[in-house]
Amino acid sequence: MMPVADPSLSAHLLVHLGLLSNAMETNERRLVVRVLQNLPTVRRRLEGHVLATLMTSSTLPLAQELHPLLGATSGKKTSSNSSSVASGAANSSPMPPTPTASATLNSFAEVYLFFLSAVYLLDAGQASEANVVLLQVARLIESLNSRILDPLLARCYYFLGRSAELQGISIHPPLMLAFRQAALRHDSETHATVYNLLLRVLVRSGQVEEADKLVQRSVFPSQVSGANHARHLYYVGCIRAVQTQYPEARRALEEALQKAPHGRLAAGFVQAVQKLLVVVLLLLGEIPERSLLRENFLSSALRPYLSLCQTVRLGDLTRFQQLLTEAHQRFDADRTLMLVQRLHQNVLRAGLKRLSSAYSRIPLTDVQRKLGLPSVEDTVFVLLKAIQDGVIGGEIDHHGGFLASASVPNPYYTTEPQESFNTRIVAINALHDDCLRAMRYPDGVKKTAITSEAAPTEEEMMEEYLEAEDDLGF
């Protein structure tokens, strides 16, 4: 039984084909961009038999190869929503007929239908077939040699990388070739897309040094979409975090969050960036704000990281080991396990600071028990290292077997409050001066005031000069 066609899908596809025909005639790139902006909506409603019907007039060999594939997968994807579409069609006005193939399809329309077919196969679980089709579509777009199809070529390589990742295969050689060609053709969008795909492949395979060389020896194009820029900053943040360059990683990740779409539109990407940013902030010795971890679409995904922040803040090493065991698979899936394991020293330092500020004297056995260290000897080594690094102040009494914390100096006995108060006064005065400089006078006030005052003549100037001499007593 033929699945019921979605009338909105048919209307969307016909409108898009018309826009692509106009783009081919007028050579306007904005029409292609307009079509691709509706790709998320069309992608959710794609049906194999509708695409096959539209491609019947195509004479390219790829169209003949796609017909059996679309027919075989049509039932798999439309079975879940065919009943809802049918019920909606029964209660609505008479449904427009399934789109029939036009007399001829121009090259832009054929490429777009082939691209949609590959995306449909990818969503239907046939990643290998989608990979083959996407490679042929990319070659077809390059053979047309039309610059207005550059956005479609960039999307094609994006889904090509996705299909290869689902299959677990490497497409490094074609990506490098596309990277060079896009740079030579000054195709910024394709250049940025392939650049991000290469970084993703290298980072996910653990080749951080190779990814760092790619970042240092190549220039990321500036005139690209915000999504591509955000992805690039995220991968740069991943590289810098692994290389222990935490300040640079923090800047890149925070900028990636600013450029990413807000809300649920890019929830998965925002979650990935936020998870890595939380760990980087903890490695820098900072505790993230609780509000960042309790947003509606982030709370469930970031729950282990909220527990991690609480553990690091308390300095509880035993609880940290328990959390690391319980959420090991979660951290490993998020690819933050290696960075989380580096927090061991941060937890120790936080616990030592808490004990040092709470007790003037504390036995070494209590320090061992509270920090969860294996022996007193290890506790002594940890305390000596912390005192040497300036984490805590104090000394160890080996005969008495306790840690004597140094007394915390009262800041009000120093000039620190005076300096802080003076800094605030200087800042307020600078703000006041800036506001005065930025004040705008009404138009024409200064000119009117200047022109209303008559310029002094030479006789008046001479009289003023003589009067001044008389006043001096000459």
Protein backbone atom coordinates (compact mmCIF):
# COMPACT_ATOMS: atom_id res chain seq x y z
CA MET A 1 0.00 0.00 0.00
CA MET A 2 1.38 3.40 -0.99
CA PRO A 3 1.98 5.65 2.05
CA VAL A 4 -0.12 8.79 2.27
CA ALA A 5 1.78 11.81 1.01
CA ASP A 6 2.19 14.79 3.30
CA PRO A 7 0.62 17.77 1.50
CA SER A 8 2.89 20.25 3.29
CA LEU A 9 5.95 18.32 2.10
CA SER A 10 4.73 18.38 -1.49
CA ALA A 11 4.08 22.11 -1.32
CA HIS A 12 7.46 22.81 0.24
CA LEU A 13 9.35 20.80 -2.36
CA LEU A 14 7.54 22.42 -5.27
CA VAL A 15 8.27 25.87 -3.88
CA HIS A 16 11.92 24.99 -3.35
CA LEU A 17 12.29 23.65 -6.88
CA GLY A 18 10.80 26.89 -8.19
CA LEU A 19 13.25 28.95 -6.14
CA LEU A 20 16.17 26.91 -7.45
CA SER A 21 14.97 27.41 -11.01
CA ASN A 22 14.87 31.16 -10.41
CA ALA A 23 18.32 31.00 -8.83
CA MET A 24 19.70 29.28 -11.92
CA GLU A 25 18.17 31.90 -14.22
CA THR A 26 19.02 34.99 -12.17
CA ASN A 27 22.29 33.70 -10.68
CA GLU A 28 21.24 34.79 -7.18
CA ARG A 29 22.82 32.92 -4.30
CA ARG A 30 20.34 34.15 -1.72
CA LEU A 31 17.63 31.93 -3.20
CA VAL A 32 19.74 28.82 -2.58
CA VAL A 33 20.40 29.99 0.98
CA ARG A 34 16.68 30.53 1.46
CA VAL A 35 15.97 26.96 0.38
CA LEU A 36 18.60 25.52 2.73
CA GLN A 37 17.23 27.50 5.67
CA ASN A 38 14.10 25.34 5.50
CA LEU A 39 16.07 22.08 5.44
CA PRO A 40 15.32 21.14 9.10
CA THR A 41 11.57 21.44 8.46
CA VAL A 42 11.69 19.50 5.19
CA ARG A 43 14.02 16.87 6.63
CA ARG A 44 11.53 15.80 9.29
CA ARG A 45 8.82 15.23 6.66
CA LEU A 46 10.78 13.59 3.85
CA GLU A 47 9.11 10.62 2.13
CA GLY A 48 10.87 8.32 -0.29
CA HIS A 49 8.05 7.88 -2.79
CA VAL A 50 7.60 11.67 -3.13
CA LEU A 51 11.29 12.12 -3.93
CA ALA A 52 11.20 9.21 -6.38
CA THR A 53 8.20 10.73 -8.17
CA LEU A 54 9.92 14.08 -8.56
CA MET A 55 13.04 12.45 -10.01
CA THR A 56 11.31 10.39 -12.72
CA SER A 57 12.15 12.91 -15.43
CA SER A 58 15.85 12.98 -14.54
CA THR A 59 18.11 11.29 -17.08
CA LEU A 60 21.17 11.06 -14.85
CA PRO A 61 22.33 7.56 -13.82
CA LEU A 62 22.20 8.55 -10.15
CA ALA A 63 18.42 9.00 -10.37
CA GLN A 64 18.02 5.44 -11.63
CA GLU A 65 20.15 4.16 -8.75
CA LEU A 66 18.12 6.05 -6.16
CA HIS A 67 14.68 4.79 -7.23
CA PRO A 68 14.99 1.28 -5.70
CA LEU A 69 16.70 2.65 -2.58
CA LEU A 70 13.95 5.20 -1.95
CA GLY A 71 11.27 2.61 -2.57
CA ALA A 72 12.85 0.15 -0.15
CA THR A 73 13.18 2.67 2.68
CA SER A 74 9.90 4.51 2.12
CA GLY A 75 7.93 2.26 4.45
CA LYS A 76 10.55 2.33 7.21
CA LYS A 77 10.44 6.03 7.85
CA THR A 78 6.84 6.84 7.00
CA SER A 79 5.23 4.04 9.00
CA SER A 80 5.55 6.02 12.21
CA ASN A 81 3.83 9.13 10.92
CA SER A 82 1.60 7.84 8.14
CA SER A 83 -1.38 7.44 10.44
CA SER A 84 -1.11 11.00 11.73
CA VAL A 85 -0.76 12.37 8.22
CA ALA A 86 -3.72 10.34 7.01
CA SER A 87 -5.95 11.43 9.87
CA GLY A 88 -4.98 15.04 9.35
CA ALA A 89 -5.73 14.76 5.64
CA ALA A 90 -9.13 13.20 6.29
CA ASN A 91 -10.25 16.05 8.52
CA SER A 92 -8.89 18.83 6.33
CA SER A 93 -9.85 20.18 2.96
CA PRO A 94 -9.26 18.04 -0.14
CA MET A 95 -5.56 17.11 -0.23
CA PRO A 96 -3.56 18.29 -3.21
CA PRO A 97 -2.36 15.44 -5.39
CA THR A 98 1.08 13.94 -5.02
CA PRO A 99 3.46 16.06 -7.08
CA THR A 100 4.07 14.68 -10.51
CA ALA A 101 7.33 14.95 -12.37
CA SER A 102 7.62 18.01 -14.49
CA ALA A 103 8.63 17.84 -18.12
CA THR A 104 12.26 18.66 -17.38
CA LEU A 105 14.33 19.22 -14.27
CA ASN A 106 17.15 21.72 -14.40
CA SER A 107 20.53 20.79 -12.99
CA PHE A 108 20.01 22.72 -9.73
CA ALA A 109 16.74 20.92 -9.03
CA GLU A 110 18.30 17.53 -9.77
CA VAL A 111 21.20 18.19 -7.42
CA TYR A 112 18.84 19.34 -4.67
CA LEU A 113 16.64 16.23 -5.02
CA PHE A 114 19.70 13.97 -4.96
CA PHE A 115 20.88 15.75 -1.83
CA LEU A 116 17.50 15.32 -0.12
CA SER A 117 17.50 11.65 -1.09
CA ALA A 118 20.90 11.17 0.58
CA VAL A 119 19.68 12.90 3.74
CA TYR A 120 16.57 10.69 3.68
CA LEU A 121 18.70 7.55 3.39
CA LEU A 122 20.90 8.73 6.25
CA ASP A 123 17.89 9.28 8.52
CA ALA A 124 16.49 5.89 7.48
CA GLY A 125 19.59 4.13 8.81
CA GLN A 126 21.31 3.45 5.48
CA ALA A 127 24.50 5.38 6.16
CA SER A 128 26.62 3.45 3.65
CA GLU A 129 24.23 4.17 0.76
CA ALA A 130 23.95 7.80 1.86
CA ASN A 131 27.74 8.08 1.88
CA VAL A 132 27.99 6.89 -1.73
CA VAL A 133 25.21 9.23 -2.87
CA LEU A 134 26.70 12.24 -1.08
CA LEU A 135 30.09 11.69 -2.71
CA GLN A 136 28.43 11.63 -6.14
CA VAL A 137 26.38 14.73 -5.32
CA ALA A 138 29.53 16.59 -4.26
CA ARG A 139 31.26 15.68 -7.54
CA LEU A 140 28.15 16.72 -9.47
CA ILE A 141 28.05 20.13 -7.78
CA GLU A 142 31.76 20.66 -8.45
CA SER A 143 31.28 19.72 -12.11
CA LEU A 144 28.56 22.36 -12.51
CA ASN A 145 31.12 25.01 -11.44
CA SER A 146 28.45 27.38 -10.15
CA ARG A 147 29.39 29.52 -7.16
CA ILE A 148 25.80 29.99 -6.09
CA LEU A 149 25.71 26.28 -5.13
CA ASP A 150 28.53 26.69 -2.60
CA PRO A 151 26.13 26.60 0.40
CA LEU A 152 24.66 23.31 -0.86
CA LEU A 153 28.16 21.88 -1.30
CA ALA A 154 28.98 22.79 2.29
CA ARG A 155 25.86 21.00 3.56
CA CYS A 156 26.74 18.01 1.40
CA TYR A 157 30.15 17.65 3.04
CA TYR A 158 28.61 18.11 6.49
CA PHE A 159 26.27 15.14 6.00
CA LEU A 160 29.10 13.21 4.35
CA GLY A 161 31.12 13.53 7.53
CA ARG A 162 28.10 12.50 9.59
CA SER A 163 27.49 9.37 7.52
CA ALA A 164 31.16 8.37 7.74
CA GLU A 165 31.08 8.83 11.51
CA LEU A 166 28.01 6.61 11.84
CA GLN A 167 29.76 3.90 9.82
CA GLY A 168 33.03 4.25 11.67
CA ILE A 169 35.04 4.73 8.48
CA SER A 170 37.66 7.33 7.59
CA ILE A 171 37.13 9.85 4.80
CA HIS A 172 40.28 11.82 5.52
CA PRO A 173 41.63 11.83 1.91
CA PRO A 174 38.45 13.26 0.28
CA LEU A 175 38.14 15.79 3.08
CA MET A 176 41.71 17.00 2.58
CA LEU A 177 41.10 17.29 -1.16
CA ALA A 178 37.90 19.25 -0.57
CA PHE A 179 39.74 21.43 1.98
CA ARG A 180 42.38 22.43 -0.58
CA GLN A 181 39.85 23.00 -3.36
CA ALA A 182 37.62 25.16 -1.16
CA ALA A 183 40.59 27.27 -0.09
CA LEU A 184 41.71 27.77 -3.70
CA ARG A 185 38.17 28.64 -4.84
CA HIS A 186 37.67 31.00 -1.86
CA ASP A 187 34.54 29.06 -0.92
CA SER A 188 34.39 30.21 2.71
CA GLU A 189 31.40 28.13 3.83
CA THR A 190 32.69 24.85 2.41
CA HIS A 191 36.18 25.67 3.66
CA ALA A 192 34.88 26.20 7.20
CA THR A 193 32.66 23.11 7.12
CA VAL A 194 35.45 20.79 5.95
CA TYR A 195 37.87 22.46 8.38
CA ASN A 196 35.55 21.62 11.29
CA LEU A 197 35.08 18.07 10.02
CA LEU A 198 38.85 17.53 9.95
CA LEU A 199 39.18 18.90 13.47
CA ARG A 200 36.36 16.66 14.66
CA VAL A 201 37.94 13.56 13.13
CA LEU A 202 41.34 14.35 14.67
CA VAL A 203 39.99 15.25 18.11
CA ARG A 204 37.70 12.22 18.38
CA SER A 205 40.51 9.89 17.31
CA GLY A 206 42.86 11.34 19.94
CA GLN A 207 45.24 13.00 17.46
CA VAL A 208 45.36 16.26 19.40
CA GLU A 209 48.84 17.22 18.21
CA GLU A 210 47.79 16.85 14.58
CA ALA A 211 44.69 18.93 15.24
CA ASP A 212 46.82 21.62 16.88
CA LYS A 213 49.11 21.70 13.84
CA LEU A 214 46.07 22.14 11.60
CA VAL A 215 44.86 25.08 13.70
CA GLN A 216 48.27 26.75 13.75
CA ARG A 217 49.12 26.29 10.07
CA SER A 218 45.76 27.19 8.52
CA VAL A 219 43.48 30.19 8.75
CA PHE A 220 39.81 29.79 9.55
CA PRO A 221 37.71 31.94 7.18
CA SER A 222 36.02 34.92 8.79
CA GLN A 223 32.99 35.31 6.51
CA VAL A 224 31.13 32.19 7.66
CA SER A 225 27.93 31.40 9.49
CA GLY A 226 27.74 31.62 13.25
CA ALA A 227 27.15 27.87 13.54
CA ASN A 228 30.41 27.02 11.78
CA HIS A 229 32.29 29.58 13.85
CA ALA A 230 30.84 28.16 17.07
CA ARG A 231 31.85 24.62 16.09
CA HIS A 232 35.38 25.76 15.30
CA LEU A 233 35.73 27.48 18.67
CA TYR A 234 34.45 24.36 20.43
CA TYR A 235 37.07 22.13 18.80
CA VAL A 236 39.79 24.67 19.57
CA GLY A 237 38.61 24.62 23.19
CA CYS A 238 38.85 20.82 23.23
CA ILE A 239 42.42 20.97 21.91
CA ARG A 240 43.53 23.62 24.40
CA ALA A 241 41.93 21.76 27.33
CA VAL A 242 43.79 18.55 26.52
CA GLN A 243 47.03 20.56 26.21
CA THR A 244 46.40 22.02 29.73
CA GLN A 245 46.05 25.51 28.28
CA TYR A 246 42.96 26.16 30.36
CA PRO A 247 42.67 29.98 30.01
CA GLU A 248 42.71 29.71 26.20
CA ALA A 249 40.22 26.83 26.36
CA ARG A 250 37.91 28.88 28.56
CA ARG A 251 37.95 31.86 26.19
CA ALA A 252 37.21 29.67 23.18
CA LEU A 253 34.36 27.81 24.88
CA GLU A 254 32.72 30.96 26.24
CA GLU A 255 32.86 32.55 22.80
CA ALA A 256 31.39 29.38 21.29
CA LEU A 257 28.44 29.65 23.69
CA GLN A 258 27.90 33.26 22.65
CA LYS A 259 27.84 32.41 18.95
CA ALA A 260 25.71 29.27 19.29
CA PRO A 261 21.92 29.52 18.78
CA HIS A 262 20.11 30.10 22.05
CA GLY A 263 17.38 27.94 23.51
CA ARG A 264 16.50 24.44 22.37
CA LEU A 265 17.47 25.02 18.73
CA ALA A 266 21.01 23.78 19.40
CA ALA A 267 20.52 22.07 22.76
CA GLY A 268 22.92 19.21 22.02
CA PHE A 269 25.77 21.50 21.02
CA VAL A 270 25.20 23.82 23.99
CA GLN A 271 25.23 20.82 26.33
CA ALA A 272 28.55 19.58 24.92
CA VAL A 273 30.15 23.02 25.24
CA GLN A 274 28.76 23.56 28.73
CA LYS A 275 30.04 20.19 29.99
CA LEU A 276 33.55 20.89 28.81
CA LEU A 277 33.43 24.47 30.11
CA VAL A 278 32.40 23.29 33.60
CA VAL A 279 35.39 20.95 33.81
CA VAL A 280 37.76 23.63 32.50
CA LEU A 281 36.52 26.12 35.11
CA LEU A 282 37.05 23.55 37.85
CA LEU A 283 40.59 22.92 36.59
CA LEU A 284 41.18 26.68 36.77
CA GLY A 285 40.13 26.63 40.43
CA GLU A 286 36.76 28.31 39.88
CA ILE A 287 33.29 27.05 40.74
CA PRO A 288 30.71 27.65 37.96
CA GLU A 289 27.52 29.48 38.80
CA ARG A 290 24.66 27.22 39.81
CA SER A 291 22.30 29.00 37.39
CA LEU A 292 24.34 27.74 34.42
CA LEU A 293 23.78 24.14 35.51
CA ARG A 294 20.05 24.43 36.19
CA GLU A 295 18.60 25.59 32.90
CA ASN A 296 15.58 23.63 31.73
CA PHE A 297 17.19 21.80 28.81
CA LEU A 298 20.58 21.44 30.56
CA SER A 299 19.67 20.28 34.07
CA SER A 300 19.31 16.55 33.36
CA ALA A 301 22.39 16.39 31.10
CA LEU A 302 24.55 18.34 33.55
CA ARG A 303 23.44 16.58 36.75
CA PRO A 304 26.73 14.60 37.12
CA TYR A 305 28.67 17.82 36.58
CA LEU A 306 26.64 19.56 39.30
CA SER A 307 27.64 16.77 41.70
CA LEU A 308 31.22 17.16 40.50
CA CYS A 309 31.18 20.89 41.31
CA GLN A 310 29.81 20.21 44.79
CA THR A 311 32.47 17.56 45.41
CA VAL A 312 35.33 19.82 44.30
CA ARG A 313 34.00 22.71 46.38
CA LEU A 314 33.84 20.56 49.52
CA GLY A 315 37.19 18.89 48.82
CA ASP A 316 35.82 15.43 49.63
CA LEU A 317 38.21 12.99 48.00
CA THR A 318 36.16 9.91 48.97
CA ARG A 319 33.03 11.32 47.40
CA PHE A 320 35.04 12.29 44.32
CA GLN A 321 36.22 8.70 43.85
CA GLN A 322 32.64 7.43 44.27
CA LEU A 323 31.33 9.92 41.71
CA LEU A 324 34.11 8.98 39.30
CA THR A 325 33.10 5.32 39.59
CA GLU A 326 29.35 5.93 39.28
CA ALA A 327 29.51 8.38 36.35
CA HIS A 328 32.49 6.79 34.60
CA GLN A 329 30.47 5.80 31.53
CA ARG A 330 28.80 9.21 31.36
CA PHE A 331 32.08 11.10 31.47
CA ASP A 332 33.58 8.70 28.95
CA ALA A 333 30.67 9.21 26.56
CA ASP A 334 31.03 12.99 26.93
CA ARG A 335 34.80 12.67 26.29
CA THR A 336 35.60 14.54 29.50
CA LEU A 337 36.84 11.58 31.56
CA MET A 338 40.53 12.42 31.16
CA LEU A 339 39.93 16.02 32.24
CA VAL A 340 37.77 14.96 35.20
CA GLN A 341 40.53 12.65 36.41
CA ARG A 342 42.88 15.65 36.50
CA LEU A 343 40.66 17.20 39.18
CA HIS A 344 42.16 14.90 41.82
CA GLN A 345 44.72 17.52 42.86
CA ASN A 346 42.08 20.26 42.86
CA VAL A 347 39.93 18.23 45.26
CA LEU A 348 42.92 17.72 47.56
CA ARG A 349 43.74 21.43 47.55
CA ALA A 350 40.15 22.42 48.26
CA GLY A 351 39.98 19.96 51.16
CA LEU A 352 43.27 21.21 52.60
CA LYS A 353 42.12 24.83 52.40
CA ARG A 354 38.89 23.96 54.17
CA LEU A 355 40.69 22.11 56.98
CA SER A 356 43.36 24.79 57.32
CA SER A 357 40.78 27.55 57.71
CA ALA A 358 38.61 25.53 60.12
CA TYR A 359 41.29 24.22 62.52
CA SER A 360 44.29 25.93 64.05
CA ARG A 361 45.64 22.50 65.00
CA ILE A 362 44.49 19.17 63.63
CA PRO A 363 46.06 15.71 64.03
CA LEU A 364 47.52 14.14 60.93
CA THR A 365 45.32 11.08 61.41
CA ASP A 366 42.22 13.29 61.20
CA VAL A 367 43.58 14.93 58.04
CA GLN A 368 44.11 11.47 56.56
CA ARG A 369 40.58 10.40 57.48
CA LYS A 370 38.86 13.55 56.24
CA LEU A 371 40.74 13.61 52.93
CA GLY A 372 40.50 9.86 52.37
CA LEU A 373 44.25 9.36 51.92
CA PRO A 374 45.70 5.84 52.23
CA SER A 375 48.30 6.48 54.98
CA VAL A 376 49.75 9.10 57.30
CA GLU A 377 52.99 9.16 55.29
CA ASP A 378 51.06 10.09 52.14
CA THR A 379 49.25 12.75 54.15
CA VAL A 380 52.56 14.28 55.24
CA PHE A 381 53.83 14.38 51.66
CA VAL A 382 50.62 16.03 50.46
CA LEU A 383 50.76 18.63 53.25
CA LEU A 384 54.42 19.44 52.59
CA LYS A 385 53.70 19.92 48.90
CA ALA A 386 50.70 22.16 49.65
CA ILE A 387 52.72 24.30 52.07
CA GLN A 388 55.59 24.60 49.59
CA ASP A 389 53.22 25.66 46.78
CA GLY A 390 51.52 28.22 49.01
CA VAL A 391 48.13 26.49 48.96
CA ILE A 392 47.94 26.59 52.76
CA GLY A 393 50.01 28.26 55.44
CA GLY A 394 51.34 26.42 58.44
CA GLU A 395 53.82 23.83 59.59
CA ILE A 396 53.85 20.15 60.50
CA ASP A 397 54.81 19.12 64.03
CA HIS A 398 56.27 15.64 63.53
CA HIS A 399 56.74 15.02 67.26
CA GLY A 400 53.20 16.00 68.15
CA GLY A 401 51.74 14.53 64.96
CA PHE A 402 49.57 17.49 64.00
CA LEU A 403 49.28 20.30 61.47
CA ALA A 404 49.52 23.81 62.92
CA SER A 405 47.82 26.27 60.60
CA ALA A 406 49.22 29.76 60.27
CA SER A 407 47.06 32.52 61.64
CA VAL A 408 45.20 34.42 59.00
CA PRO A 409 46.21 38.11 59.13
CA ASN A 410 43.46 40.63 59.70
CA PRO A 411 43.17 42.67 56.48
CA TYR A 412 41.95 45.71 58.44
CA TYR A 413 45.39 46.01 60.04
CA THR A 414 46.85 46.64 56.59
CA THR A 415 46.35 49.26 53.88
CA GLU A 416 44.29 46.87 51.74
CA PRO A 417 40.87 48.43 52.63
CA GLN A 418 42.23 51.92 51.92
CA GLU A 419 43.61 50.85 48.55
CA SER A 420 40.36 49.12 47.64
CA PHE A 421 38.33 52.18 48.63
CA ASN A 422 40.64 54.45 46.62
CA THR A 423 40.30 52.18 43.58
CA ARG A 424 36.52 52.49 43.76
CA ILE A 425 36.70 56.27 44.06
CA VAL A 426 39.00 56.51 41.04
CA ALA A 427 36.65 54.30 39.02
CA ILE A 428 33.61 56.39 39.94
CA ASN A 429 35.39 59.64 39.07
CA ALA A 430 36.52 58.19 35.75
CA LEU A 431 32.95 57.16 35.00
CA HIS A 432 31.74 60.65 35.89
CA ASP A 433 34.33 62.26 33.61
CA ASP A 434 33.45 59.92 30.75
CA CYS A 435 29.78 60.82 31.12
CA LEU A 436 30.59 64.51 30.96
CA ARG A 437 32.65 64.05 27.82
CA ALA A 438 29.88 62.02 26.23
CA MET A 439 27.17 64.65 26.85
CA ARG A 440 25.64 65.96 23.65
CA TYR A 441 24.64 69.58 23.36
CA PRO A 442 21.59 70.58 21.30
CA ASP A 443 22.37 71.20 17.66
CA GLY A 444 23.39 74.77 16.89
CA VAL A 445 23.86 75.92 20.50
CA LYS A 446 27.61 76.31 20.29
CA LYS A 447 27.49 77.92 16.86
CA THR A 448 24.81 80.38 17.96
CA ALA A 449 26.75 81.29 21.08
CA ILE A 450 29.92 81.88 19.09
CA THR A 451 28.29 83.91 16.33
CA SER A 452 26.28 86.02 18.81
CA GLU A 453 29.45 87.26 20.42
CA ALA A 454 31.08 89.87 18.19
CA ALA A 455 34.76 89.39 17.56
CA PRO A 456 36.89 92.07 19.29
CA THR A 457 38.39 94.73 17.07
CA GLU A 458 42.04 95.87 17.07
CA GLU A 459 41.18 99.10 18.94
CA GLU A 460 39.45 97.16 21.73
CA MET A 461 42.38 94.79 22.01
CA MET A 462 44.81 97.75 22.24
CA GLU A 463 42.72 99.40 24.96
CA GLU A 464 42.69 96.18 27.00
CA TYR A 465 46.46 95.95 26.62
CA LEU A 466 46.99 99.52 27.83
CA GLU A 467 44.66 99.00 30.78
CA ALA A 468 46.64 95.93 31.74
CA GLU A 469 49.88 97.98 31.67
CA ASP A 470 48.34 100.63 33.91
CA ASP A 471 47.33 97.96 36.41
CA LEU A 472 50.92 96.71 36.58
CA GLY A 473 52.17 100.20 37.46
CA PHE A 474 54.28 100.89 34.37
